[in-house]
């Protein structure tokens, strides 16, 4: 729905016994995002670690860019390899498409407002 100009790759924590692999993967993914940014495939990325809160969502990276270029990235063999490692090394790993930016959000809100049935 609407413009999906970002994605969030989120996780809970490293799988017990695979902490070192998870740390290596984090370094690999950071280098991957930096290379994709320099190549113009993404416009930005930011890693977010959440403070302890007792929940199962403890960190994520938000990646922003052109929707078509993000689609291409998420369909690439290189991303599939990263994702496979993340699934094996991290509990609760997942990727969610997202919309950012006030103009894009306002466009979505207009769609929602248009979907509200008229009052009788």
PDB file of N, CA and C in Angstrom:
ATOM      1  N   UNK A   1       0.842  -1.180   0.000  1.00  0.00           N
ATOM      2  CA  UNK A   1       0.000   0.000   0.000  1.00  0.00           C
ATOM      3  C   UNK A   1       0.882   1.237   0.000  1.00  0.00           C
ATOM      4  N   UNK A   2       0.647   2.121  -0.881  1.00  0.00           N
ATOM      5  CA  UNK A   2       1.365   3.385  -0.888  1.00  0.00           C
ATOM      6  C   UNK A   2       2.834   3.217  -1.230  1.00  0.00           C
ATOM      7  N   UNK A   3       3.588   4.239  -0.946  1.00  0.00           N
ATOM      8  CA  UNK A   3       5.009   4.260  -1.246  1.00  0.00           C
ATOM      9  C   UNK A   3       5.764   3.546  -0.131  1.00  0.00           C
ATOM     10  N   UNK A   4       6.477   2.512  -0.493  1.00  0.00           N
ATOM     11  CA  UNK A   4       7.283   1.764   0.464  1.00  0.00           C
ATOM     12  C   UNK A   4       8.746   2.106   0.197  1.00  0.00           C
ATOM     13  N   UNK A   5       9.182   3.221   0.765  1.00  0.00           N
ATOM     14  CA  UNK A   5      10.512   3.735   0.485  1.00  0.00           C
ATOM     15  C   UNK A   5      11.537   3.367   1.553  1.00  0.00           C
ATOM     16  N   UNK A   6      11.230   2.336   2.330  1.00  0.00           N
ATOM     17  CA  UNK A   6      12.148   1.896   3.375  1.00  0.00           C
ATOM     18  C   UNK A   6      11.834   0.453   3.744  1.00  0.00           C
ATOM     19  N   UNK A   7      12.770  -0.156   4.437  1.00  0.00           N
ATOM     20  CA  UNK A   7      12.469  -1.428   5.081  1.00  0.00           C
ATOM     21  C   UNK A   7      13.180  -1.463   6.424  1.00  0.00           C
ATOM     22  N   UNK A   8      12.617  -2.257   7.305  1.00  0.00           N
ATOM     23  CA  UNK A   8      13.183  -2.455   8.629  1.00  0.00           C
ATOM     24  C   UNK A   8      13.573  -3.918   8.736  1.00  0.00           C
ATOM     25  N   UNK A   9      14.825  -4.163   9.079  1.00  0.00           N
ATOM     26  CA  UNK A   9      15.294  -5.514   9.379  1.00  0.00           C
ATOM     27  C   UNK A   9      15.453  -5.568  10.892  1.00  0.00           C
ATOM     28  N   UNK A  10      14.589  -6.339  11.549  1.00  0.00           N
ATOM     29  CA  UNK A  10      14.577  -6.360  13.008  1.00  0.00           C
ATOM     30  C   UNK A  10      14.923  -7.725  13.571  1.00  0.00           C
ATOM     31  N   UNK A  11      15.265  -7.748  14.851  1.00  0.00           N
ATOM     32  CA  UNK A  11      15.646  -8.987  15.518  1.00  0.00           C
ATOM     33  C   UNK A  11      15.386  -8.879  17.014  1.00  0.00           C
ATOM     34  N   UNK A  12      15.458 -10.046  17.653  1.00  0.00           N
ATOM     35  CA  UNK A  12      15.341 -10.111  19.102  1.00  0.00           C
ATOM     36  C   UNK A  12      16.739 -10.109  19.713  1.00  0.00           C
ATOM     37  N   UNK A  13      17.441 -11.229  19.581  1.00  0.00           N
ATOM     38  CA  UNK A  13      18.797 -11.347  20.124  1.00  0.00           C
ATOM     39  C   UNK A  13      19.513 -12.468  19.384  1.00  0.00           C
ATOM     40  N   UNK A  14      20.816 -12.585  19.635  1.00  0.00           N
ATOM     41  CA  UNK A  14      21.587 -13.670  19.014  1.00  0.00           C
ATOM     42  C   UNK A  14      21.120 -15.011  19.569  1.00  0.00           C
ATOM     43  N   UNK A  15      21.142 -16.019  18.725  1.00  0.00           N
ATOM     44  CA  UNK A  15      20.864 -17.383  19.163  1.00  0.00           C
ATOM     45  C   UNK A  15      21.999 -17.783  20.111  1.00  0.00           C
ATOM     46  N   UNK A  16      21.653 -18.402  21.236  1.00  0.00           N
ATOM     47  CA  UNK A  16      22.655 -18.838  22.209  1.00  0.00           C
ATOM     48  C   UNK A  16      23.692 -19.725  21.524  1.00  0.00           C
ATOM     49  N   UNK A  17      24.956 -19.406  21.742  1.00  0.00           N
ATOM     50  CA  UNK A  17      26.044 -20.148  21.125  1.00  0.00           C
ATOM     51  C   UNK A  17      26.468 -19.602  19.772  1.00  0.00           C
ATOM     52  N   UNK A  18      25.703 -18.662  19.229  1.00  0.00           N
ATOM     53  CA  UNK A  18      26.029 -18.081  17.914  1.00  0.00           C
ATOM     54  C   UNK A  18      26.293 -16.581  18.011  1.00  0.00           C
ATOM     55  N   UNK A  19      26.622 -16.140  19.215  1.00  0.00           N
ATOM     56  CA  UNK A  19      26.841 -14.707  19.430  1.00  0.00           C
ATOM     57  C   UNK A  19      27.977 -14.164  18.560  1.00  0.00           C
ATOM     58  N   UNK A  20      29.090 -14.898  18.474  1.00  0.00           N
ATOM     59  CA  UNK A  20      30.214 -14.419  17.668  1.00  0.00           C
ATOM     60  C   UNK A  20      29.837 -14.340  16.195  1.00  0.00           C
ATOM     61  N   UNK A  21      29.069 -15.319  15.716  1.00  0.00           N
ATOM     62  CA  UNK A  21      28.612 -15.289  14.326  1.00  0.00           C
ATOM     63  C   UNK A  21      27.690 -14.098  14.090  1.00  0.00           C
ATOM     64  N   UNK A  22      26.846 -13.790  15.067  1.00  0.00           N
ATOM     65  CA  UNK A  22      25.941 -12.645  14.943  1.00  0.00           C
ATOM     66  C   UNK A  22      26.727 -11.336  14.880  1.00  0.00           C
ATOM     67  N   UNK A  23      27.781 -11.233  15.677  1.00  0.00           N
ATOM     68  CA  UNK A  23      28.618 -10.025  15.659  1.00  0.00           C
ATOM     69  C   UNK A  23      29.325  -9.893  14.316  1.00  0.00           C
ATOM     70  N   UNK A  24      29.847 -11.005  13.787  1.00  0.00           N
ATOM     71  CA  UNK A  24      30.486 -10.982  12.463  1.00  0.00           C
ATOM     72  C   UNK A  24      29.471 -10.582  11.382  1.00  0.00           C
ATOM     73  N   UNK A  25      28.262 -11.103  11.496  1.00  0.00           N
ATOM     74  CA  UNK A  25      27.220 -10.755  10.524  1.00  0.00           C
ATOM     75  C   UNK A  25      26.890  -9.270  10.598  1.00  0.00           C
ATOM     76  N   UNK A  26      26.842  -8.714  11.789  1.00  0.00           N
ATOM     77  CA  UNK A  26      26.558  -7.285  11.939  1.00  0.00           C
ATOM     78  C   UNK A  26      27.613  -6.458  11.194  1.00  0.00           C
ATOM     79  N   UNK A  27      28.879  -6.833  11.335  1.00  0.00           N
ATOM     80  CA  UNK A  27      29.950  -6.117  10.625  1.00  0.00           C
ATOM     81  C   UNK A  27      29.793  -6.292   9.113  1.00  0.00           C
ATOM     82  N   UNK A  28      29.457  -7.505   8.665  1.00  0.00           N
ATOM     83  CA  UNK A  28      29.261  -7.771   7.241  1.00  0.00           C
ATOM     84  C   UNK A  28      28.106  -6.943   6.689  1.00  0.00           C
ATOM     85  N   UNK A  29      27.000  -6.909   7.420  1.00  0.00           N
ATOM     86  CA  UNK A  29      25.821  -6.164   6.968  1.00  0.00           C
ATOM     87  C   UNK A  29      26.103  -4.663   6.944  1.00  0.00           C
ATOM     88  N   UNK A  30      26.823  -4.178   7.927  1.00  0.00           N
ATOM     89  CA  UNK A  30      27.174  -2.751   7.942  1.00  0.00           C
ATOM     90  C   UNK A  30      27.999  -2.389   6.717  1.00  0.00           C
ATOM     91  N   UNK A  31      28.973  -3.225   6.376  1.00  0.00           N
ATOM     92  CA  UNK A  31      29.791  -2.977   5.178  1.00  0.00           C
ATOM     93  C   UNK A  31      28.935  -3.076   3.916  1.00  0.00           C
ATOM     94  N   UNK A  32      28.003  -4.025   3.900  1.00  0.00           N
ATOM     95  CA  UNK A  32      27.095  -4.182   2.758  1.00  0.00           C
ATOM     96  C   UNK A  32      26.252  -2.926   2.562  1.00  0.00           C
ATOM     97  N   UNK A  33      25.634  -2.437   3.639  1.00  0.00           N
ATOM     98  CA  UNK A  33      24.821  -1.224   3.527  1.00  0.00           C
ATOM     99  C   UNK A  33      25.663  -0.035   3.096  1.00  0.00           C
ATOM    100  N   UNK A  34      26.868   0.081   3.617  1.00  0.00           N
ATOM    101  CA  UNK A  34      27.728   1.205   3.238  1.00  0.00           C
ATOM    102  C   UNK A  34      28.063   1.137   1.748  1.00  0.00           C
ATOM    103  N   UNK A  35      28.356  -0.056   1.252  1.00  0.00           N
ATOM    104  CA  UNK A  35      28.645  -0.225  -0.179  1.00  0.00           C
ATOM    105  C   UNK A  35      27.419   0.087  -1.023  1.00  0.00           C
ATOM    106  N   UNK A  36      26.254  -0.340  -0.576  1.00  0.00           N
ATOM    107  CA  UNK A  36      25.011  -0.064  -1.308  1.00  0.00           C
ATOM    108  C   UNK A  36      24.717   1.442  -1.311  1.00  0.00           C
ATOM    109  N   UNK A  37      25.050   2.112  -0.225  1.00  0.00           N
ATOM    110  CA  UNK A  37      24.853   3.574  -0.161  1.00  0.00           C
ATOM    111  C   UNK A  37      25.794   4.273  -1.142  1.00  0.00           C
ATOM    112  N   UNK A  38      27.061   3.884  -1.150  1.00  0.00           N
ATOM    113  CA  UNK A  38      28.030   4.487  -2.072  1.00  0.00           C
ATOM    114  C   UNK A  38      27.664   4.218  -3.517  1.00  0.00           C
ATOM    115  N   UNK A  39      27.040   3.060  -3.792  1.00  0.00           N
ATOM    116  CA  UNK A  39      26.626   2.701  -5.151  1.00  0.00           C
ATOM    117  C   UNK A  39      25.310   3.357  -5.558  1.00  0.00           C
ATOM    118  N   UNK A  40      24.652   4.043  -4.612  1.00  0.00           N
ATOM    119  CA  UNK A  40      23.394   4.720  -4.912  1.00  0.00           C
ATOM    120  C   UNK A  40      22.170   3.820  -4.883  1.00  0.00           C
ATOM    121  N   UNK A  41      22.319   2.596  -4.363  1.00  0.00           N
ATOM    122  CA  UNK A  41      21.168   1.697  -4.305  1.00  0.00           C
ATOM    123  C   UNK A  41      20.274   2.006  -3.111  1.00  0.00           C
ATOM    124  N   UNK A  42      20.855   2.559  -2.041  1.00  0.00           N
ATOM    125  CA  UNK A  42      20.066   3.034  -0.897  1.00  0.00           C
ATOM    126  C   UNK A  42      20.503   4.464  -0.613  1.00  0.00           C
ATOM    127  N   UNK A  43      19.627   5.222   0.047  1.00  0.00           N
ATOM    128  CA  UNK A  43      19.998   6.596   0.392  1.00  0.00           C
ATOM    129  C   UNK A  43      20.536   6.700   1.809  1.00  0.00           C
ATOM    130  N   UNK A  44      20.059   5.821   2.700  1.00  0.00           N
ATOM    131  CA  UNK A  44      20.538   5.872   4.082  1.00  0.00           C
ATOM    132  C   UNK A  44      20.210   4.573   4.799  1.00  0.00           C
ATOM    133  N   UNK A  45      20.892   4.376   5.913  1.00  0.00           N
ATOM    134  CA  UNK A  45      20.579   3.270   6.818  1.00  0.00           C
ATOM    135  C   UNK A  45      20.976   3.701   8.220  1.00  0.00           C
ATOM    136  N   UNK A  46      20.294   3.156   9.195  1.00  0.00           N
ATOM    137  CA  UNK A  46      20.620   3.463  10.587  1.00  0.00           C
ATOM    138  C   UNK A  46      20.315   2.245  11.439  1.00  0.00           C
ATOM    139  N   UNK A  47      21.309   1.836  12.230  1.00  0.00           N
ATOM    140  CA  UNK A  47      21.126   0.742  13.178  1.00  0.00           C
ATOM    141  C   UNK A  47      20.550   1.305  14.472  1.00  0.00           C
ATOM    142  N   UNK A  48      19.571   0.621  15.025  1.00  0.00           N
ATOM    143  CA  UNK A  48      18.940   1.039  16.276  1.00  0.00           C
ATOM    144  C   UNK A  48      18.969  -0.152  17.234  1.00  0.00           C
ATOM    145  N   UNK A  49      19.544   0.045  18.408  1.00  0.00           N
ATOM    146  CA  UNK A  49      19.487  -0.965  19.461  1.00  0.00           C
ATOM    147  C   UNK A  49      18.561  -0.426  20.545  1.00  0.00           C
ATOM    148  N   UNK A  50      17.593  -1.221  20.926  1.00  0.00           N
ATOM    149  CA  UNK A  50      16.631  -0.800  21.937  1.00  0.00           C
ATOM    150  C   UNK A  50      17.151  -1.151  23.329  1.00  0.00           C
ATOM    151  N   UNK A  51      16.800  -0.339  24.299  1.00  0.00           N
ATOM    152  CA  UNK A  51      17.192  -0.621  25.678  1.00  0.00           C
ATOM    153  C   UNK A  51      16.362  -1.769  26.217  1.00  0.00           C
ATOM    154  N   UNK A  52      16.883  -2.438  27.207  1.00  0.00           N
ATOM    155  CA  UNK A  52      16.198  -3.586  27.801  1.00  0.00           C
ATOM    156  C   UNK A  52      14.784  -3.197  28.224  1.00  0.00           C
ATOM    157  N   UNK A  53      13.806  -3.995  27.788  1.00  0.00           N
ATOM    158  CA  UNK A  53      12.413  -3.690  28.091  1.00  0.00           C
ATOM    159  C   UNK A  53      11.582  -4.952  28.304  1.00  0.00           C
ATOM    160  N   UNK A  54      12.222  -6.113  28.250  1.00  0.00           N
ATOM    161  CA  UNK A  54      11.506  -7.361  28.477  1.00  0.00           C
ATOM    162  C   UNK A  54      10.753  -7.884  27.279  1.00  0.00           C
ATOM    163  N   UNK A  55      10.887  -7.227  26.145  1.00  0.00           N
ATOM    164  CA  UNK A  55      10.161  -7.644  24.941  1.00  0.00           C
ATOM    165  C   UNK A  55      11.026  -8.477  24.014  1.00  0.00           C
ATOM    166  N   UNK A  56      10.455  -8.843  22.875  1.00  0.00           N
ATOM    167  CA  UNK A  56      11.187  -9.687  21.926  1.00  0.00           C
ATOM    168  C   UNK A  56      11.600  -8.944  20.656  1.00  0.00           C
ATOM    169  N   UNK A  57      11.563  -7.628  20.694  1.00  0.00           N
ATOM    170  CA  UNK A  57      12.028  -6.789  19.588  1.00  0.00           C
ATOM    171  C   UNK A  57      13.087  -5.879  20.182  1.00  0.00           C
ATOM    172  N   UNK A  58      14.358  -6.196  19.932  1.00  0.00           N
ATOM    173  CA  UNK A  58      15.438  -5.508  20.643  1.00  0.00           C
ATOM    174  C   UNK A  58      16.383  -4.710  19.761  1.00  0.00           C
ATOM    175  N   UNK A  59      16.199  -4.774  18.458  1.00  0.00           N
ATOM    176  CA  UNK A  59      17.024  -3.970  17.588  1.00  0.00           C
ATOM    177  C   UNK A  59      16.521  -4.044  16.163  1.00  0.00           C
ATOM    178  N   UNK A  60      16.908  -3.047  15.385  1.00  0.00           N
ATOM    179  CA  UNK A  60      16.534  -3.045  13.975  1.00  0.00           C
ATOM    180  C   UNK A  60      17.432  -2.093  13.210  1.00  0.00           C
ATOM    181  N   UNK A  61      17.424  -2.263  11.918  1.00  0.00           N
ATOM    182  CA  UNK A  61      18.072  -1.327  11.019  1.00  0.00           C
ATOM    183  C   UNK A  61      17.010  -0.831  10.065  1.00  0.00           C
ATOM    184  N   UNK A  62      16.931   0.482   9.902  1.00  0.00           N
ATOM    185  CA  UNK A  62      16.021   1.049   8.910  1.00  0.00           C
ATOM    186  C   UNK A  62      16.863   1.472   7.708  1.00  0.00           C
ATOM    187  N   UNK A  63      16.438   1.010   6.553  1.00  0.00           N
ATOM    188  CA  UNK A  63      17.140   1.287   5.292  1.00  0.00           C
ATOM    189  C   UNK A  63      16.167   2.055   4.409  1.00  0.00           C
ATOM    190  N   UNK A  64      16.614   3.193   3.875  1.00  0.00           N
ATOM    191  CA  UNK A  64      15.741   4.024   3.049  1.00  0.00           C
ATOM    192  C   UNK A  64      16.302   4.163   1.647  1.00  0.00           C
ATOM    193  N   UNK A  65      15.398   4.332   0.693  1.00  0.00           N
ATOM    194  CA  UNK A  65      15.824   4.540  -0.677  1.00  0.00           C
ATOM    195  C   UNK A  65      14.653   4.509  -1.642  1.00  0.00           C
ATOM    196  N   UNK A  66      14.979   4.545  -2.911  1.00  0.00           N
ATOM    197  CA  UNK A  66      13.987   4.458  -3.971  1.00  0.00           C
ATOM    198  C   UNK A  66      13.286   3.099  -3.882  1.00  0.00           C
ATOM    199  N   UNK A  67      11.943   3.073  -3.925  1.00  0.00           N
ATOM    200  CA  UNK A  67      11.227   1.795  -3.800  1.00  0.00           C
ATOM    201  C   UNK A  67      11.692   0.714  -4.776  1.00  0.00           C
ATOM    202  N   UNK A  68      11.920   1.062  -6.021  1.00  0.00           N
ATOM    203  CA  UNK A  68      12.367   0.084  -7.011  1.00  0.00           C
ATOM    204  C   UNK A  68      13.756  -0.468  -6.701  1.00  0.00           C
ATOM    205  N   UNK A  69      14.648   0.411  -6.267  1.00  0.00           N
ATOM    206  CA  UNK A  69      16.003  -0.033  -5.915  1.00  0.00           C
ATOM    207  C   UNK A  69      15.989  -0.905  -4.664  1.00  0.00           C
ATOM    208  N   UNK A  70      15.099  -0.591  -3.713  1.00  0.00           N
ATOM    209  CA  UNK A  70      14.976  -1.446  -2.524  1.00  0.00           C
ATOM    210  C   UNK A  70      14.434  -2.813  -2.902  1.00  0.00           C
ATOM    211  N   UNK A  71      13.456  -2.842  -3.809  1.00  0.00           N
ATOM    212  CA  UNK A  71      12.930  -4.128  -4.293  1.00  0.00           C
ATOM    213  C   UNK A  71      14.059  -4.964  -4.892  1.00  0.00           C
ATOM    214  N   UNK A  72      14.871  -4.319  -5.711  1.00  0.00           N
ATOM    215  CA  UNK A  72      15.993  -5.003  -6.353  1.00  0.00           C
ATOM    216  C   UNK A  72      16.968  -5.553  -5.305  1.00  0.00           C
ATOM    217  N   UNK A  73      17.285  -4.750  -4.310  1.00  0.00           N
ATOM    218  CA  UNK A  73      18.183  -5.179  -3.251  1.00  0.00           C
ATOM    219  C   UNK A  73      17.623  -6.404  -2.525  1.00  0.00           C
ATOM    220  N   UNK A  74      16.350  -6.344  -2.150  1.00  0.00           N
ATOM    221  CA  UNK A  74      15.742  -7.433  -1.385  1.00  0.00           C
ATOM    222  C   UNK A  74      15.561  -8.707  -2.214  1.00  0.00           C
ATOM    223  N   UNK A  75      15.652  -8.614  -3.533  1.00  0.00           N
ATOM    224  CA  UNK A  75      15.563  -9.794  -4.404  1.00  0.00           C
ATOM    225  C   UNK A  75      16.938 -10.343  -4.787  1.00  0.00           C
ATOM    226  N   UNK A  76      18.004  -9.674  -4.394  1.00  0.00           N
ATOM    227  CA  UNK A  76      19.351 -10.072  -4.820  1.00  0.00           C
ATOM    228  C   UNK A  76      19.828 -11.324  -4.085  1.00  0.00           C
ATOM    229  N   UNK A  77      20.719 -12.056  -4.750  1.00  0.00           N
ATOM    230  CA  UNK A  77      21.326 -13.236  -4.135  1.00  0.00           C
ATOM    231  C   UNK A  77      22.155 -12.850  -2.915  1.00  0.00           C
ATOM    232  N   UNK A  78      22.826 -11.699  -2.991  1.00  0.00           N
ATOM    233  CA  UNK A  78      23.652 -11.257  -1.860  1.00  0.00           C
ATOM    234  C   UNK A  78      22.782 -11.024  -0.630  1.00  0.00           C
ATOM    235  N   UNK A  79      21.621 -10.372  -0.818  1.00  0.00           N
ATOM    236  CA  UNK A  79      20.717 -10.156   0.316  1.00  0.00           C
ATOM    237  C   UNK A  79      20.178 -11.489   0.832  1.00  0.00           C
ATOM    238  N   UNK A  80      19.853 -12.401  -0.070  1.00  0.00           N
ATOM    239  CA  UNK A  80      19.340 -13.716   0.346  1.00  0.00           C
ATOM    240  C   UNK A  80      20.358 -14.429   1.235  1.00  0.00           C
ATOM    241  N   UNK A  81      21.645 -14.290   0.923  1.00  0.00           N
ATOM    242  CA  UNK A  81      22.683 -14.889   1.761  1.00  0.00           C
ATOM    243  C   UNK A  81      22.756 -14.251   3.134  1.00  0.00           C
ATOM    244  N   UNK A  82      22.634 -12.936   3.170  1.00  0.00           N
ATOM    245  CA  UNK A  82      22.633 -12.227   4.456  1.00  0.00           C
ATOM    246  C   UNK A  82      21.426 -12.658   5.272  1.00  0.00           C
ATOM    247  N   UNK A  83      20.278 -12.701   4.624  1.00  0.00           N
ATOM    248  CA  UNK A  83      19.044 -13.075   5.307  1.00  0.00           C
ATOM    249  C   UNK A  83      19.125 -14.505   5.856  1.00  0.00           C
ATOM    250  N   UNK A  84      19.714 -15.420   5.090  1.00  0.00           N
ATOM    251  CA  UNK A  84      19.855 -16.806   5.546  1.00  0.00           C
ATOM    252  C   UNK A  84      20.702 -16.868   6.814  1.00  0.00           C
ATOM    253  N   UNK A  85      21.807 -16.127   6.839  1.00  0.00           N
ATOM    254  CA  UNK A  85      22.644 -16.091   8.044  1.00  0.00           C
ATOM    255  C   UNK A  85      21.875 -15.477   9.217  1.00  0.00           C
ATOM    256  N   UNK A  86      21.149 -14.399   8.949  1.00  0.00           N
ATOM    257  CA  UNK A  86      20.396 -13.740  10.020  1.00  0.00           C
ATOM    258  C   UNK A  86      19.364 -14.685  10.623  1.00  0.00           C
ATOM    259  N   UNK A  87      18.706 -15.455   9.785  1.00  0.00           N
ATOM    260  CA  UNK A  87      17.714 -16.416  10.281  1.00  0.00           C
ATOM    261  C   UNK A  87      18.379 -17.463  11.178  1.00  0.00           C
ATOM    262  N   UNK A  88      19.594 -17.870  10.817  1.00  0.00           N
ATOM    263  CA  UNK A  88      20.306 -18.885  11.594  1.00  0.00           C
ATOM    264  C   UNK A  88      20.975 -18.333  12.848  1.00  0.00           C
ATOM    265  N   UNK A  89      21.390 -17.066  12.829  1.00  0.00           N
ATOM    266  CA  UNK A  89      22.164 -16.503  13.930  1.00  0.00           C
ATOM    267  C   UNK A  89      21.355 -15.649  14.895  1.00  0.00           C
ATOM    268  N   UNK A  90      20.159 -15.214  14.478  1.00  0.00           N
ATOM    269  CA  UNK A  90      19.369 -14.291  15.303  1.00  0.00           C
ATOM    270  C   UNK A  90      17.982 -14.846  15.570  1.00  0.00           C
ATOM    271  N   UNK A  91      17.520 -14.697  16.785  1.00  0.00           N
ATOM    272  CA  UNK A  91      16.138 -15.047  17.108  1.00  0.00           C
ATOM    273  C   UNK A  91      15.234 -13.911  16.636  1.00  0.00           C
ATOM    274  N   UNK A  92      14.101 -14.272  16.070  1.00  0.00           N
ATOM    275  CA  UNK A  92      13.091 -13.288  15.715  1.00  0.00           C
ATOM    276  C   UNK A  92      13.460 -12.357  14.580  1.00  0.00           C
ATOM    277  N   UNK A  93      14.358 -12.772  13.693  1.00  0.00           N
ATOM    278  CA  UNK A  93      14.726 -11.903  12.574  1.00  0.00           C
ATOM    279  C   UNK A  93      13.569 -11.790  11.589  1.00  0.00           C
ATOM    280  N   UNK A  94      13.354 -10.586  11.066  1.00  0.00           N
ATOM    281  CA  UNK A  94      12.343 -10.371  10.048  1.00  0.00           C
ATOM    282  C   UNK A  94      12.570  -9.060   9.328  1.00  0.00           C
ATOM    283  N   UNK A  95      11.979  -8.946   8.140  1.00  0.00           N
ATOM    284  CA  UNK A  95      12.086  -7.742   7.317  1.00  0.00           C
ATOM    285  C   UNK A  95      10.680  -7.249   7.018  1.00  0.00           C
ATOM    286  N   UNK A  96      10.465  -5.953   7.226  1.00  0.00           N
ATOM    287  CA  UNK A  96       9.159  -5.332   7.022  1.00  0.00           C
ATOM    288  C   UNK A  96       9.355  -4.110   6.135  1.00  0.00           C
ATOM    289  N   UNK A  97       8.548  -3.978   5.089  1.00  0.00           N
ATOM    290  CA  UNK A  97       8.585  -2.761   4.268  1.00  0.00           C
ATOM    291  C   UNK A  97       7.931  -1.628   5.059  1.00  0.00           C
ATOM    292  N   UNK A  98       8.365  -0.399   4.794  1.00  0.00           N
ATOM    293  CA  UNK A  98       7.896   0.752   5.564  1.00  0.00           C
ATOM    294  C   UNK A  98       7.810   1.988   4.674  1.00  0.00           C
ATOM    295  N   UNK A  99       7.111   2.982   5.175  1.00  0.00           N
ATOM    296  CA  UNK A  99       6.985   4.267   4.509  1.00  0.00           C
ATOM    297  C   UNK A  99       7.512   5.350   5.440  1.00  0.00           C
ATOM    298  N   UNK A 100       8.360   6.231   4.918  1.00  0.00           N
ATOM    299  CA  UNK A 100       8.920   7.329   5.695  1.00  0.00           C
ATOM    300  C   UNK A 100       8.725   8.641   4.948  1.00  0.00           C
ATOM    301  N   UNK A 101       8.877   9.717   5.664  1.00  0.00           N
ATOM    302  CA  UNK A 101       8.781  11.046   5.068  1.00  0.00           C
ATOM    303  C   UNK A 101       7.372  11.595   5.165  1.00  0.00           C
ATOM    304  N   UNK A 102       7.267  12.832   5.591  1.00  0.00           N
ATOM    305  CA  UNK A 102       5.960  13.449   5.837  1.00  0.00           C
ATOM    306  C   UNK A 102       5.069  13.435   4.596  1.00  0.00           C
ATOM    307  N   UNK A 103       5.610  13.766   3.425  1.00  0.00           N
ATOM    308  CA  UNK A 103       4.788  13.780   2.215  1.00  0.00           C
ATOM    309  C   UNK A 103       4.226  12.391   1.914  1.00  0.00           C
ATOM    310  N   UNK A 104       5.064  11.373   2.039  1.00  0.00           N
ATOM    311  CA  UNK A 104       4.606  10.001   1.795  1.00  0.00           C
ATOM    312  C   UNK A 104       3.564   9.569   2.821  1.00  0.00           C
ATOM    313  N   UNK A 105       3.794   9.919   4.070  1.00  0.00           N
ATOM    314  CA  UNK A 105       2.846   9.566   5.135  1.00  0.00           C
ATOM    315  C   UNK A 105       1.515  10.280   4.895  1.00  0.00           C
ATOM    316  N   UNK A 106       1.569  11.542   4.498  1.00  0.00           N
ATOM    317  CA  UNK A 106       0.331  12.285   4.245  1.00  0.00           C
ATOM    318  C   UNK A 106      -0.438  11.677   3.067  1.00  0.00           C
ATOM    319  N   UNK A 107       0.274  11.178   2.057  1.00  0.00           N
ATOM    320  CA  UNK A 107      -0.396  10.485   0.943  1.00  0.00           C
ATOM    321  C   UNK A 107      -1.110   9.242   1.447  1.00  0.00           C
ATOM    322  N   UNK A 108      -0.464   8.484   2.330  1.00  0.00           N
ATOM    323  CA  UNK A 108      -1.110   7.306   2.918  1.00  0.00           C
ATOM    324  C   UNK A 108      -2.328   7.703   3.741  1.00  0.00           C
ATOM    325  N   UNK A 109      -2.187   8.775   4.512  1.00  0.00           N
ATOM    326  CA  UNK A 109      -3.305   9.228   5.343  1.00  0.00           C
ATOM    327  C   UNK A 109      -4.486   9.638   4.467  1.00  0.00           C
ATOM    328  N   UNK A 110      -4.214  10.227   3.300  1.00  0.00           N
ATOM    329  CA  UNK A 110      -5.298  10.579   2.374  1.00  0.00           C
ATOM    330  C   UNK A 110      -6.014   9.335   1.881  1.00  0.00           C
ATOM    331  N   UNK A 111      -5.250   8.269   1.616  1.00  0.00           N
ATOM    332  CA  UNK A 111      -5.874   7.004   1.211  1.00  0.00           C
ATOM    333  C   UNK A 111      -6.768   6.460   2.326  1.00  0.00           C
ATOM    334  N   UNK A 112      -6.263   6.500   3.545  1.00  0.00           N
ATOM    335  CA  UNK A 112      -7.057   6.024   4.680  1.00  0.00           C
ATOM    336  C   UNK A 112      -8.316   6.866   4.844  1.00  0.00           C
ATOM    337  N   UNK A 113      -8.144   8.189   4.768  1.00  0.00           N
ATOM    338  CA  UNK A 113      -9.300   9.077   4.926  1.00  0.00           C
ATOM    339  C   UNK A 113     -10.342   8.810   3.840  1.00  0.00           C
ATOM    340  N   UNK A 114      -9.886   8.532   2.623  1.00  0.00           N
ATOM    341  CA  UNK A 114     -10.812   8.238   1.532  1.00  0.00           C
ATOM    342  C   UNK A 114     -11.529   6.917   1.699  1.00  0.00           C
ATOM    343  N   UNK A 115     -10.978   6.039   2.513  1.00  0.00           N
ATOM    344  CA  UNK A 115     -11.588   4.723   2.737  1.00  0.00           C
ATOM    345  C   UNK A 115     -12.649   4.736   3.828  1.00  0.00           C
ATOM    346  N   UNK A 116     -12.759   5.843   4.560  1.00  0.00           N
ATOM    347  CA  UNK A 116     -13.754   5.936   5.627  1.00  0.00           C
ATOM    348  C   UNK A 116     -15.124   6.131   4.986  1.00  0.00           C
ATOM    349  N   UNK A 117     -16.060   5.257   5.301  1.00  0.00           N
ATOM    350  CA  UNK A 117     -17.404   5.413   4.707  1.00  0.00           C
ATOM    351  C   UNK A 117     -18.073   6.697   5.209  1.00  0.00           C
ATOM    352  N   UNK A 118     -18.879   7.314   4.360  1.00  0.00           N
ATOM    353  CA  UNK A 118     -19.576   8.543   4.789  1.00  0.00           C
ATOM    354  C   UNK A 118     -20.564   8.218   5.907  1.00  0.00           C
ATOM    355  N   UNK A 119     -20.736   9.207   6.791  1.00  0.00           N
ATOM    356  CA  UNK A 119     -21.724   9.041   7.865  1.00  0.00           C
ATOM    357  C   UNK A 119     -23.114   9.097   7.296  1.00  0.00           C
ATOM    358  N   UNK A 120     -23.976   8.317   7.853  1.00  0.00           N
ATOM    359  CA  UNK A 120     -25.379   8.294   7.366  1.00  0.00           C
ATOM    360  C   UNK A 120     -26.222   9.284   8.104  1.00  0.00           C
TER     361      UNK A 120
END
